[in-house]
Amino acid sequence: LRNDPAKVFKPIAHESTTTTGLHHVDGTISMARYAPGSAQAEFF
């Protein structure tokens, strides 16, 4: 949503790959962020 303030919800806590066991391999979907705990609606 390109951080559209009218559409985004509050940021969420960061779930690190060391905790989840998931990795950024071909086809992985992940959250874009600035600082840890700042992710909202942007993904890659």
PDB file of all heavy atoms in Angstrom:
ATOM      1  N   LEU A   1       0.807  -1.219   0.000  1.00  0.00           N
ATOM      2  CA  LEU A   1       0.000   0.000   0.000  1.00  0.00           C
ATOM      3  C   LEU A   1       0.840   1.269   0.000  1.00  0.00           C
ATOM      4  O   LEU A   1       0.292   2.364   0.123  1.00  0.00           O
ATOM      5  CB  LEU A   1      -0.930  -0.011   1.210  1.00  0.00           C
ATOM      6  CG  LEU A   1      -1.920  -1.179   1.262  1.00  0.00           C
ATOM      7  CD1 LEU A   1      -2.684  -1.183   2.585  1.00  0.00           C
ATOM      8  CD2 LEU A   1      -2.881  -1.103   0.092  1.00  0.00           C
ATOM      9  N   ARG A   2       2.138   1.115  -0.074  1.00  0.00           N
ATOM     10  CA  ARG A   2       3.062   2.257  -0.073  1.00  0.00           C
ATOM     11  C   ARG A   2       2.804   3.163   1.124  1.00  0.00           C
ATOM     12  O   ARG A   2       2.842   4.384   1.037  1.00  0.00           O
ATOM     13  CB  ARG A   2       2.996   3.014  -1.391  1.00  0.00           C
ATOM     14  CG  ARG A   2       3.384   2.119  -2.556  1.00  0.00           C
ATOM     15  CD  ARG A   2       3.423   2.825  -3.864  1.00  0.00           C
ATOM     16  NE  ARG A   2       4.763   3.383  -4.081  1.00  0.00           N
ATOM     17  CZ  ARG A   2       5.210   3.751  -5.270  1.00  0.00           C
ATOM     18  NH1 ARG A   2       4.463   3.622  -6.335  1.00  0.00           N
ATOM     19  NH2 ARG A   2       6.413   4.248  -5.398  1.00  0.00           N
ATOM     20  N   ASN A   3       2.527   2.507   2.267  1.00  0.00           N
ATOM     21  CA  ASN A   3       2.334   3.196   3.551  1.00  0.00           C
ATOM     22  C   ASN A   3       1.225   4.229   3.521  1.00  0.00           C
ATOM     23  O   ASN A   3       1.289   5.254   4.205  1.00  0.00           O
ATOM     24  CB  ASN A   3       3.652   3.814   4.029  1.00  0.00           C
ATOM     25  CG  ASN A   3       4.712   2.759   4.270  1.00  0.00           C
ATOM     26  OD1 ASN A   3       4.446   1.727   4.876  1.00  0.00           O
ATOM     27  ND2 ASN A   3       5.907   2.992   3.771  1.00  0.00           N
ATOM     28  N   ASP A   4       0.176   3.974   2.744  1.00  0.00           N
ATOM     29  CA  ASP A   4      -0.991   4.863   2.693  1.00  0.00           C
ATOM     30  C   ASP A   4      -1.618   4.947   4.086  1.00  0.00           C
ATOM     31  O   ASP A   4      -2.148   3.954   4.588  1.00  0.00           O
ATOM     32  CB  ASP A   4      -2.009   4.314   1.690  1.00  0.00           C
ATOM     33  CG  ASP A   4      -3.245   5.194   1.553  1.00  0.00           C
ATOM     34  OD1 ASP A   4      -3.510   6.034   2.435  1.00  0.00           O
ATOM     35  OD2 ASP A   4      -3.962   5.021   0.551  1.00  0.00           O
ATOM     36  N   PRO A   5      -1.555   6.102   4.755  1.00  0.00           N
ATOM     37  CA  PRO A   5      -2.036   6.196   6.130  1.00  0.00           C
ATOM     38  C   PRO A   5      -3.521   5.882   6.293  1.00  0.00           C
ATOM     39  O   PRO A   5      -3.967   5.501   7.376  1.00  0.00           O
ATOM     40  CB  PRO A   5      -1.732   7.650   6.533  1.00  0.00           C
ATOM     41  CG  PRO A   5      -1.534   8.382   5.252  1.00  0.00           C
ATOM     42  CD  PRO A   5      -1.052   7.381   4.251  1.00  0.00           C
ATOM     43  N   ALA A   6      -4.301   6.004   5.218  1.00  0.00           N
ATOM     44  CA  ALA A   6      -5.736   5.708   5.302  1.00  0.00           C
ATOM     45  C   ALA A   6      -6.014   4.202   5.249  1.00  0.00           C
ATOM     46  O   ALA A   6      -7.115   3.771   5.561  1.00  0.00           O
ATOM     47  CB  ALA A   6      -6.476   6.399   4.160  1.00  0.00           C
ATOM     48  N   LYS A   7      -5.018   3.405   4.876  1.00  0.00           N
ATOM     49  CA  LYS A   7      -5.260   1.981   4.675  1.00  0.00           C
ATOM     50  C   LYS A   7      -4.445   1.048   5.555  1.00  0.00           C
ATOM     51  O   LYS A   7      -4.785  -0.116   5.698  1.00  0.00           O
ATOM     52  CB  LYS A   7      -4.997   1.614   3.210  1.00  0.00           C
ATOM     53  CG  LYS A   7      -5.994   2.238   2.254  1.00  0.00           C
ATOM     54  CD  LYS A   7      -5.753   1.766   0.837  1.00  0.00           C
ATOM     55  CE  LYS A   7      -6.784   2.351  -0.107  1.00  0.00           C
ATOM     56  NZ  LYS A   7      -6.552   1.929  -1.505  1.00  0.00           N
ATOM     57  N   VAL A   8      -3.338   1.538   6.124  1.00  0.00           N
ATOM     58  CA  VAL A   8      -2.476   0.634   6.889  1.00  0.00           C
ATOM     59  C   VAL A   8      -2.968   0.466   8.328  1.00  0.00           C
ATOM     60  O   VAL A   8      -3.548   1.373   8.911  1.00  0.00           O
ATOM     61  CB  VAL A   8      -1.001   1.101   6.885  1.00  0.00           C
ATOM     62  CG1 VAL A   8      -0.426   1.058   5.489  1.00  0.00           C
ATOM     63  CG2 VAL A   8      -0.835   2.473   7.511  1.00  0.00           C
ATOM     64  N   PHE A   9      -2.722  -0.744   8.848  1.00  0.00           N
ATOM     65  CA  PHE A   9      -2.980  -1.032  10.256  1.00  0.00           C
ATOM     66  C   PHE A   9      -1.705  -0.750  11.045  1.00  0.00           C
ATOM     67  O   PHE A   9      -0.662  -0.426  10.470  1.00  0.00           O
ATOM     68  CB  PHE A   9      -3.397  -2.495  10.423  1.00  0.00           C
ATOM     69  CG  PHE A   9      -4.694  -2.841   9.731  1.00  0.00           C
ATOM     70  CD1 PHE A   9      -4.732  -3.797   8.728  1.00  0.00           C
ATOM     71  CD2 PHE A   9      -5.886  -2.203  10.079  1.00  0.00           C
ATOM     72  CE1 PHE A   9      -5.924  -4.125   8.087  1.00  0.00           C
ATOM     73  CE2 PHE A   9      -7.082  -2.516   9.443  1.00  0.00           C
ATOM     74  CZ  PHE A   9      -7.094  -3.480   8.450  1.00  0.00           C
ATOM     75  N   LYS A  10      -1.781  -0.907  12.350  1.00  0.00           N
ATOM     76  CA  LYS A  10      -0.626  -0.649  13.217  1.00  0.00           C
ATOM     77  C   LYS A  10       0.504  -1.625  12.904  1.00  0.00           C
ATOM     78  O   LYS A  10       0.258  -2.765  12.490  1.00  0.00           O
ATOM     79  CB  LYS A  10      -1.028  -0.780  14.685  1.00  0.00           C
ATOM     80  CG  LYS A  10      -1.940   0.329  15.158  1.00  0.00           C
ATOM     81  CD  LYS A  10      -2.271   0.158  16.620  1.00  0.00           C
ATOM     82  CE  LYS A  10      -3.190   1.279  17.090  1.00  0.00           C
ATOM     83  NZ  LYS A  10      -3.572   1.127  18.498  1.00  0.00           N
ATOM     84  N   PRO A  11       1.753  -1.202  13.136  1.00  0.00           N
ATOM     85  CA  PRO A  11       2.893  -2.104  12.921  1.00  0.00           C
ATOM     86  C   PRO A  11       2.809  -3.330  13.821  1.00  0.00           C
ATOM     87  O   PRO A  11       2.153  -3.314  14.868  1.00  0.00           O
ATOM     88  CB  PRO A  11       4.102  -1.241  13.295  1.00  0.00           C
ATOM     89  CG  PRO A  11       3.634   0.161  13.191  1.00  0.00           C
ATOM     90  CD  PRO A  11       2.174   0.136  13.553  1.00  0.00           C
ATOM     91  N   ILE A  12       3.493  -4.377  13.397  1.00  0.00           N
ATOM     92  CA  ILE A  12       3.466  -5.650  14.139  1.00  0.00           C
ATOM     93  C   ILE A  12       4.849  -5.975  14.695  1.00  0.00           C
ATOM     94  O   ILE A  12       5.854  -5.460  14.225  1.00  0.00           O
ATOM     95  CB  ILE A  12       2.983  -6.806  13.254  1.00  0.00           C
ATOM     96  CG1 ILE A  12       3.865  -6.933  11.987  1.00  0.00           C
ATOM     97  CG2 ILE A  12       1.521  -6.622  12.881  1.00  0.00           C
ATOM     98  CD1 ILE A  12       3.629  -8.198  11.191  1.00  0.00           C
ATOM     99  N   ALA A  13       4.866  -6.863  15.690  1.00  0.00           N
ATOM    100  CA  ALA A  13       6.131  -7.349  16.246  1.00  0.00           C
ATOM    101  C   ALA A  13       6.887  -8.143  15.187  1.00  0.00           C
ATOM    102  O   ALA A  13       6.288  -8.810  14.344  1.00  0.00           O
ATOM    103  CB  ALA A  13       5.848  -8.222  17.465  1.00  0.00           C
ATOM    104  N   HIS A  14       8.200  -8.059  15.234  1.00  0.00           N
ATOM    105  CA  HIS A  14       9.052  -8.730  14.253  1.00  0.00           C
ATOM    106  C   HIS A  14       9.239 -10.200  14.604  1.00  0.00           C
ATOM    107  O   HIS A  14       9.568 -10.537  15.745  1.00  0.00           O
ATOM    108  CB  HIS A  14      10.415  -8.028  14.207  1.00  0.00           C
ATOM    109  CG  HIS A  14      11.359  -8.618  13.211  1.00  0.00           C
ATOM    110  ND1 HIS A  14      11.131  -8.562  11.857  1.00  0.00           N
ATOM    111  CD2 HIS A  14      12.540  -9.271  13.370  1.00  0.00           C
ATOM    112  CE1 HIS A  14      12.136  -9.161  11.220  1.00  0.00           C
ATOM    113  NE2 HIS A  14      12.995  -9.597  12.121  1.00  0.00           N
ATOM    114  N   GLU A  15       9.025 -11.070  13.613  1.00  0.00           N
ATOM    115  CA  GLU A  15       9.283 -12.501  13.793  1.00  0.00           C
ATOM    116  C   GLU A  15      10.525 -12.862  12.968  1.00  0.00           C
ATOM    117  O   GLU A  15      10.467 -13.003  11.749  1.00  0.00           O
ATOM    118  CB  GLU A  15       8.084 -13.334  13.335  1.00  0.00           C
ATOM    119  CG  GLU A  15       6.893 -13.191  14.269  1.00  0.00           C
ATOM    120  CD  GLU A  15       5.681 -14.003  13.842  1.00  0.00           C
ATOM    121  OE1 GLU A  15       5.212 -13.816  12.702  1.00  0.00           O
ATOM    122  OE2 GLU A  15       5.198 -14.811  14.654  1.00  0.00           O
ATOM    123  N   SER A  16      11.628 -13.007  13.655  1.00  0.00           N
ATOM    124  CA  SER A  16      12.913 -13.255  13.018  1.00  0.00           C
ATOM    125  C   SER A  16      12.982 -14.667  12.432  1.00  0.00           C
ATOM    126  O   SER A  16      12.362 -15.604  12.938  1.00  0.00           O
ATOM    127  CB  SER A  16      14.017 -13.091  14.076  1.00  0.00           C
ATOM    128  OG  SER A  16      15.241 -13.573  13.603  1.00  0.00           O
ATOM    129  N   THR A  17      13.786 -14.820  11.388  1.00  0.00           N
ATOM    130  CA  THR A  17      13.976 -16.145  10.797  1.00  0.00           C
ATOM    131  C   THR A  17      14.668 -17.099  11.765  1.00  0.00           C
ATOM    132  O   THR A  17      14.524 -18.314  11.633  1.00  0.00           O
ATOM    133  CB  THR A  17      14.790 -16.048   9.490  1.00  0.00           C
ATOM    134  OG1 THR A  17      16.021 -15.358   9.743  1.00  0.00           O
ATOM    135  CG2 THR A  17      14.006 -15.323   8.406  1.00  0.00           C
ATOM    136  N   THR A  18      15.397 -16.573  12.748  1.00  0.00           N
ATOM    137  CA  THR A  18      16.010 -17.457  13.744  1.00  0.00           C
ATOM    138  C   THR A  18      14.945 -18.065  14.650  1.00  0.00           C
ATOM    139  O   THR A  18      15.145 -19.135  15.212  1.00  0.00           O
ATOM    140  CB  THR A  18      17.045 -16.704  14.611  1.00  0.00           C
ATOM    141  OG1 THR A  18      16.423 -15.565  15.213  1.00  0.00           O
ATOM    142  CG2 THR A  18      18.243 -16.261  13.790  1.00  0.00           C
ATOM    143  N   THR A  19      13.810 -17.408  14.769  1.00  0.00           N
ATOM    144  CA  THR A  19      12.691 -17.912  15.570  1.00  0.00           C
ATOM    145  C   THR A  19      11.773 -18.801  14.734  1.00  0.00           C
ATOM    146  O   THR A  19      11.344 -19.862  15.188  1.00  0.00           O
ATOM    147  CB  THR A  19      11.868 -16.736  16.135  1.00  0.00           C
ATOM    148  OG1 THR A  19      12.730 -15.893  16.896  1.00  0.00           O
ATOM    149  CG2 THR A  19      10.738 -17.225  17.025  1.00  0.00           C
ATOM    150  N   THR A  20      11.476 -18.390  13.515  1.00  0.00           N
ATOM    151  CA  THR A  20      10.496 -19.111  12.692  1.00  0.00           C
ATOM    152  C   THR A  20      11.089 -20.320  11.980  1.00  0.00           C
ATOM    153  O   THR A  20      10.371 -21.261  11.634  1.00  0.00           O
ATOM    154  CB  THR A  20       9.893 -18.186  11.616  1.00  0.00           C
ATOM    155  OG1 THR A  20      10.935 -17.773  10.705  1.00  0.00           O
ATOM    156  CG2 THR A  20       9.229 -16.971  12.247  1.00  0.00           C
ATOM    157  N   GLY A  21      12.394 -20.281  11.719  1.00  0.00           N
ATOM    158  CA  GLY A  21      13.021 -21.357  10.958  1.00  0.00           C
ATOM    159  C   GLY A  21      12.801 -21.236   9.455  1.00  0.00           C
ATOM    160  O   GLY A  21      13.224 -22.110   8.686  1.00  0.00           O
ATOM    161  N   LEU A  22      12.142 -20.165   9.023  1.00  0.00           N
ATOM    162  CA  LEU A  22      11.921 -19.932   7.594  1.00  0.00           C
ATOM    163  C   LEU A  22      13.134 -19.205   7.011  1.00  0.00           C
ATOM    164  O   LEU A  22      13.859 -18.520   7.734  1.00  0.00           O
ATOM    165  CB  LEU A  22      10.652 -19.106   7.383  1.00  0.00           C
ATOM    166  CG  LEU A  22       9.367 -19.728   7.926  1.00  0.00           C
ATOM    167  CD1 LEU A  22       8.220 -18.724   7.856  1.00  0.00           C
ATOM    168  CD2 LEU A  22       9.012 -20.995   7.162  1.00  0.00           C
ATOM    169  N   HIS A  23      13.338 -19.354   5.709  1.00  0.00           N
ATOM    170  CA  HIS A  23      14.481 -18.706   5.058  1.00  0.00           C
ATOM    171  C   HIS A  23      14.047 -18.046   3.759  1.00  0.00           C
ATOM    172  O   HIS A  23      13.042 -18.416   3.170  1.00  0.00           O
ATOM    173  CB  HIS A  23      15.591 -19.730   4.799  1.00  0.00           C
ATOM    174  CG  HIS A  23      16.113 -20.339   6.061  1.00  0.00           C
ATOM    175  ND1 HIS A  23      16.959 -19.688   6.913  1.00  0.00           N
ATOM    176  CD2 HIS A  23      15.864 -21.552   6.630  1.00  0.00           C
ATOM    177  CE1 HIS A  23      17.233 -20.453   7.948  1.00  0.00           C
ATOM    178  NE2 HIS A  23      16.570 -21.587   7.810  1.00  0.00           N
ATOM    179  N   HIS A  24      14.824 -17.086   3.337  1.00  0.00           N
ATOM    180  CA  HIS A  24      14.527 -16.324   2.124  1.00  0.00           C
ATOM    181  C   HIS A  24      15.070 -17.061   0.893  1.00  0.00           C
ATOM    182  O   HIS A  24      16.088 -16.681   0.310  1.00  0.00           O
ATOM    183  CB  HIS A  24      15.082 -14.905   2.240  1.00  0.00           C
ATOM    184  CG  HIS A  24      14.337 -14.074   3.226  1.00  0.00           C
ATOM    185  ND1 HIS A  24      14.649 -14.051   4.566  1.00  0.00           N
ATOM    186  CD2 HIS A  24      13.252 -13.272   3.074  1.00  0.00           C
ATOM    187  CE1 HIS A  24      13.801 -13.243   5.202  1.00  0.00           C
ATOM    188  NE2 HIS A  24      12.947 -12.757   4.309  1.00  0.00           N
ATOM    189  N   VAL A  25      14.349 -18.117   0.523  1.00  0.00           N
ATOM    190  CA  VAL A  25      14.684 -18.906  -0.661  1.00  0.00           C
ATOM    191  C   VAL A  25      13.751 -18.494  -1.794  1.00  0.00           C
ATOM    192  O   VAL A  25      12.845 -17.675  -1.609  1.00  0.00           O
ATOM    193  CB  VAL A  25      14.575 -20.421  -0.365  1.00  0.00           C
ATOM    194  CG1 VAL A  25      15.604 -20.834   0.682  1.00  0.00           C
ATOM    195  CG2 VAL A  25      13.167 -20.800   0.092  1.00  0.00           C
ATOM    196  N   ASP A  26      13.966 -19.063  -2.974  1.00  0.00           N
ATOM    197  CA  ASP A  26      13.149 -18.747  -4.133  1.00  0.00           C
ATOM    198  C   ASP A  26      11.663 -18.919  -3.811  1.00  0.00           C
ATOM    199  O   ASP A  26      11.250 -19.977  -3.348  1.00  0.00           O
ATOM    200  CB  ASP A  26      13.543 -19.674  -5.286  1.00  0.00           C
ATOM    201  CG  ASP A  26      12.865 -19.318  -6.598  1.00  0.00           C
ATOM    202  OD1 ASP A  26      12.764 -18.121  -6.908  1.00  0.00           O
ATOM    203  OD2 ASP A  26      12.447 -20.253  -7.311  1.00  0.00           O
ATOM    204  N   GLY A  27      10.873 -17.869  -4.023  1.00  0.00           N
ATOM    205  CA  GLY A  27       9.433 -17.930  -3.795  1.00  0.00           C
ATOM    206  C   GLY A  27       8.976 -17.550  -2.399  1.00  0.00           C
ATOM    207  O   GLY A  27       7.771 -17.529  -2.131  1.00  0.00           O
ATOM    208  N   THR A  28       9.888 -17.218  -1.496  1.00  0.00           N
ATOM    209  CA  THR A  28       9.487 -16.813  -0.141  1.00  0.00           C
ATOM    210  C   THR A  28       8.806 -15.451  -0.182  1.00  0.00           C
ATOM    211  O   THR A  28       9.253 -14.541  -0.877  1.00  0.00           O
ATOM    212  CB  THR A  28      10.712 -16.743   0.796  1.00  0.00           C
ATOM    213  OG1 THR A  28      11.258 -18.056   0.929  1.00  0.00           O
ATOM    214  CG2 THR A  28      10.349 -16.195   2.174  1.00  0.00           C
ATOM    215  N   ILE A  29       7.714 -15.317   0.588  1.00  0.00           N
ATOM    216  CA  ILE A  29       7.097 -14.006   0.803  1.00  0.00           C
ATOM    217  C   ILE A  29       7.502 -13.535   2.189  1.00  0.00           C
ATOM    218  O   ILE A  29       7.540 -14.325   3.148  1.00  0.00           O
ATOM    219  CB  ILE A  29       5.560 -14.015   0.634  1.00  0.00           C
ATOM    220  CG1 ILE A  29       4.999 -12.589   0.804  1.00  0.00           C
ATOM    221  CG2 ILE A  29       4.889 -15.025   1.549  1.00  0.00           C
ATOM    222  CD1 ILE A  29       3.536 -12.435   0.412  1.00  0.00           C
ATOM    223  N   SER A  30       7.837 -12.259   2.298  1.00  0.00           N
ATOM    224  CA  SER A  30       8.372 -11.703   3.534  1.00  0.00           C
ATOM    225  C   SER A  30       7.887 -10.267   3.680  1.00  0.00           C
ATOM    226  O   SER A  30       7.445  -9.647   2.706  1.00  0.00           O
ATOM    227  CB  SER A  30       9.903 -11.745   3.472  1.00  0.00           C
ATOM    228  OG  SER A  30      10.496 -11.401   4.708  1.00  0.00           O
ATOM    229  N   MET A  31       7.972  -9.745   4.895  1.00  0.00           N
ATOM    230  CA  MET A  31       7.537  -8.371   5.160  1.00  0.00           C
ATOM    231  C   MET A  31       8.690  -7.378   4.976  1.00  0.00           C
ATOM    232  O   MET A  31       9.786  -7.597   5.467  1.00  0.00           O
ATOM    233  CB  MET A  31       7.008  -8.239   6.590  1.00  0.00           C
ATOM    234  CG  MET A  31       5.728  -8.998   6.865  1.00  0.00           C
ATOM    235  SD  MET A  31       4.340  -8.577   5.784  1.00  0.00           S
ATOM    236  CE  MET A  31       4.019  -6.883   6.246  1.00  0.00           C
ATOM    237  N   ALA A  32       8.405  -6.302   4.269  1.00  0.00           N
ATOM    238  CA  ALA A  32       9.351  -5.190   4.185  1.00  0.00           C
ATOM    239  C   ALA A  32       9.246  -4.388   5.481  1.00  0.00           C
ATOM    240  O   ALA A  32       8.195  -4.380   6.127  1.00  0.00           O
ATOM    241  CB  ALA A  32       9.026  -4.316   2.978  1.00  0.00           C
ATOM    242  N   ARG A  33      10.336  -3.743   5.859  1.00  0.00           N
ATOM    243  CA  ARG A  33      10.323  -2.963   7.103  1.00  0.00           C
ATOM    244  C   ARG A  33      11.454  -1.949   7.090  1.00  0.00           C
ATOM    245  O   ARG A  33      12.342  -2.002   6.249  1.00  0.00           O
ATOM    246  CB  ARG A  33      10.511  -3.888   8.309  1.00  0.00           C
ATOM    247  CG  ARG A  33      11.914  -4.537   8.376  1.00  0.00           C
ATOM    248  CD  ARG A  33      12.130  -5.220   9.693  1.00  0.00           C
ATOM    249  NE  ARG A  33      13.401  -5.917   9.791  1.00  0.00           N
ATOM    250  CZ  ARG A  33      14.548  -5.369  10.184  1.00  0.00           C
ATOM    251  NH1 ARG A  33      14.589  -4.070  10.458  1.00  0.00           N
ATOM    252  NH2 ARG A  33      15.646  -6.084  10.289  1.00  0.00           N
ATOM    253  N   TYR A  34      11.392  -1.036   8.056  1.00  0.00           N
ATOM    254  CA  TYR A  34      12.529  -0.184   8.362  1.00  0.00           C
ATOM    255  C   TYR A  34      13.178  -0.799   9.601  1.00  0.00           C
ATOM    256  O   TYR A  34      13.924  -1.747   9.495  1.00  0.00           O
ATOM    257  CB  TYR A  34      12.093   1.271   8.570  1.00  0.00           C
ATOM    258  CG  TYR A  34      11.589   1.901   7.275  1.00  0.00           C
ATOM    259  CD1 TYR A  34      10.236   2.152   7.079  1.00  0.00           C
ATOM    260  CD2 TYR A  34      12.472   2.224   6.248  1.00  0.00           C
ATOM    261  CE1 TYR A  34       9.778   2.712   5.888  1.00  0.00           C
ATOM    262  CE2 TYR A  34      12.024   2.776   5.049  1.00  0.00           C
ATOM    263  CZ  TYR A  34      10.670   3.016   4.882  1.00  0.00           C
ATOM    264  OH  TYR A  34      10.224   3.560   3.703  1.00  0.00           O
ATOM    265  N   ALA A  35      12.846  -0.317  10.778  1.00  0.00           N
ATOM    266  CA  ALA A  35      13.355  -0.921  12.004  1.00  0.00           C
ATOM    267  C   ALA A  35      12.552  -2.173  12.341  1.00  0.00           C
ATOM    268  O   ALA A  35      11.409  -2.317  11.902  1.00  0.00           O
ATOM    269  CB  ALA A  35      13.254   0.089  13.146  1.00  0.00           C
ATOM    270  N   PRO A  36      13.113  -3.104  13.125  1.00  0.00           N
ATOM    271  CA  PRO A  36      12.331  -4.263  13.562  1.00  0.00           C
ATOM    272  C   PRO A  36      11.087  -3.797  14.316  1.00  0.00           C
ATOM    273  O   PRO A  36      11.158  -2.897  15.155  1.00  0.00           O
ATOM    274  CB  PRO A  36      13.294  -5.008  14.498  1.00  0.00           C
ATOM    275  CG  PRO A  36      14.654  -4.579  14.057  1.00  0.00           C
ATOM    276  CD  PRO A  36      14.499  -3.160  13.597  1.00  0.00           C
ATOM    277  N   GLY A  37       9.941  -4.379  13.980  1.00  0.00           N
ATOM    278  CA  GLY A  37       8.685  -3.983  14.613  1.00  0.00           C
ATOM    279  C   GLY A  37       7.976  -2.855  13.904  1.00  0.00           C
ATOM    280  O   GLY A  37       7.007  -2.302  14.425  1.00  0.00           O
ATOM    281  N   SER A  38       8.430  -2.493  12.689  1.00  0.00           N
ATOM    282  CA  SER A  38       7.791  -1.403  11.944  1.00  0.00           C
ATOM    283  C   SER A  38       6.973  -1.894  10.752  1.00  0.00           C
ATOM    284  O   SER A  38       6.357  -1.095  10.059  1.00  0.00           O
ATOM    285  CB  SER A  38       8.849  -0.403  11.457  1.00  0.00           C
ATOM    286  OG  SER A  38       9.701  -1.008  10.499  1.00  0.00           O
ATOM    287  N   ALA A  39       6.965  -3.218  10.497  1.00  0.00           N
ATOM    288  CA  ALA A  39       6.267  -3.749   9.318  1.00  0.00           C
ATOM    289  C   ALA A  39       4.765  -3.524   9.418  1.00  0.00           C
ATOM    290  O   ALA A  39       4.163  -3.706  10.471  1.00  0.00           O
ATOM    291  CB  ALA A  39       6.560  -5.236   9.155  1.00  0.00           C
ATOM    292  N   GLN A  40       4.157  -3.145   8.287  1.00  0.00           N
ATOM    293  CA  GLN A  40       2.717  -2.931   8.218  1.00  0.00           C
ATOM    294  C   GLN A  40       2.121  -3.689   7.034  1.00  0.00           C
ATOM    295  O   GLN A  40       1.665  -4.812   7.198  1.00  0.00           O
ATOM    296  CB  GLN A  40       2.399  -1.443   8.138  1.00  0.00           C
ATOM    297  CG  GLN A  40       2.721  -0.702   9.422  1.00  0.00           C
ATOM    298  CD  GLN A  40       2.472   0.784   9.316  1.00  0.00           C
ATOM    299  OE1 GLN A  40       3.184   1.495   8.618  1.00  0.00           O
ATOM    300  NE2 GLN A  40       1.461   1.273  10.013  1.00  0.00           N
ATOM    301  N   ALA A  41       2.115  -3.091   5.849  1.00  0.00           N
ATOM    302  CA  ALA A  41       1.443  -3.699   4.692  1.00  0.00           C
ATOM    303  C   ALA A  41       2.380  -3.992   3.527  1.00  0.00           C
ATOM    304  O   ALA A  41       1.951  -4.579   2.547  1.00  0.00           O
ATOM    305  CB  ALA A  41       0.315  -2.794   4.211  1.00  0.00           C
ATOM    306  N   GLU A  42       3.636  -3.573   3.616  1.00  0.00           N
ATOM    307  CA  GLU A  42       4.559  -3.776   2.495  1.00  0.00           C
ATOM    308  C   GLU A  42       5.180  -5.170   2.591  1.00  0.00           C
ATOM    309  O   GLU A  42       5.625  -5.586   3.657  1.00  0.00           O
ATOM    310  CB  GLU A  42       5.646  -2.711   2.496  1.00  0.00           C
ATOM    311  CG  GLU A  42       5.128  -1.282   2.600  1.00  0.00           C
ATOM    312  CD  GLU A  42       3.975  -0.981   1.667  1.00  0.00           C
ATOM    313  OE1 GLU A  42       4.146  -1.075   0.440  1.00  0.00           O
ATOM    314  OE2 GLU A  42       2.884  -0.649   2.170  1.00  0.00           O
ATOM    315  N   PHE A  43       5.240  -5.862   1.469  1.00  0.00           N
ATOM    316  CA  PHE A  43       5.777  -7.223   1.444  1.00  0.00           C
ATOM    317  C   PHE A  43       6.601  -7.405   0.179  1.00  0.00           C
ATOM    318  O   PHE A  43       6.540  -6.597  -0.743  1.00  0.00           O
ATOM    319  CB  PHE A  43       4.633  -8.244   1.498  1.00  0.00           C
ATOM    320  CG  PHE A  43       3.695  -8.173   0.320  1.00  0.00           C
ATOM    321  CD1 PHE A  43       3.926  -8.928  -0.827  1.00  0.00           C
ATOM    322  CD2 PHE A  43       2.585  -7.326   0.345  1.00  0.00           C
ATOM    323  CE1 PHE A  43       3.069  -8.840  -1.923  1.00  0.00           C
ATOM    324  CE2 PHE A  43       1.725  -7.239  -0.753  1.00  0.00           C
ATOM    325  CZ  PHE A  43       1.967  -7.998  -1.887  1.00  0.00           C
ATOM    326  N   PHE A  44       7.381  -8.484   0.150  1.00  0.00           N
ATOM    327  CA  PHE A  44       8.150  -8.780  -1.054  1.00  0.00           C
ATOM    328  C   PHE A  44       8.217 -10.280  -1.273  1.00  0.00           C
ATOM    329  O   PHE A  44       8.028 -11.072  -0.350  1.00  0.00           O
ATOM    330  CB  PHE A  44       9.550  -8.149  -1.010  1.00  0.00           C
ATOM    331  CG  PHE A  44      10.429  -8.625   0.112  1.00  0.00           C
ATOM    332  CD1 PHE A  44      11.230  -9.754  -0.041  1.00  0.00           C
ATOM    333  CD2 PHE A  44      10.484  -7.936   1.314  1.00  0.00           C
ATOM    334  CE1 PHE A  44      12.063 -10.189   0.973  1.00  0.00           C
ATOM    335  CE2 PHE A  44      11.310  -8.354   2.354  1.00  0.00           C
ATOM    336  CZ  PHE A  44      12.108  -9.494   2.178  1.00  0.00           C
TER     337      PHE A  44
END
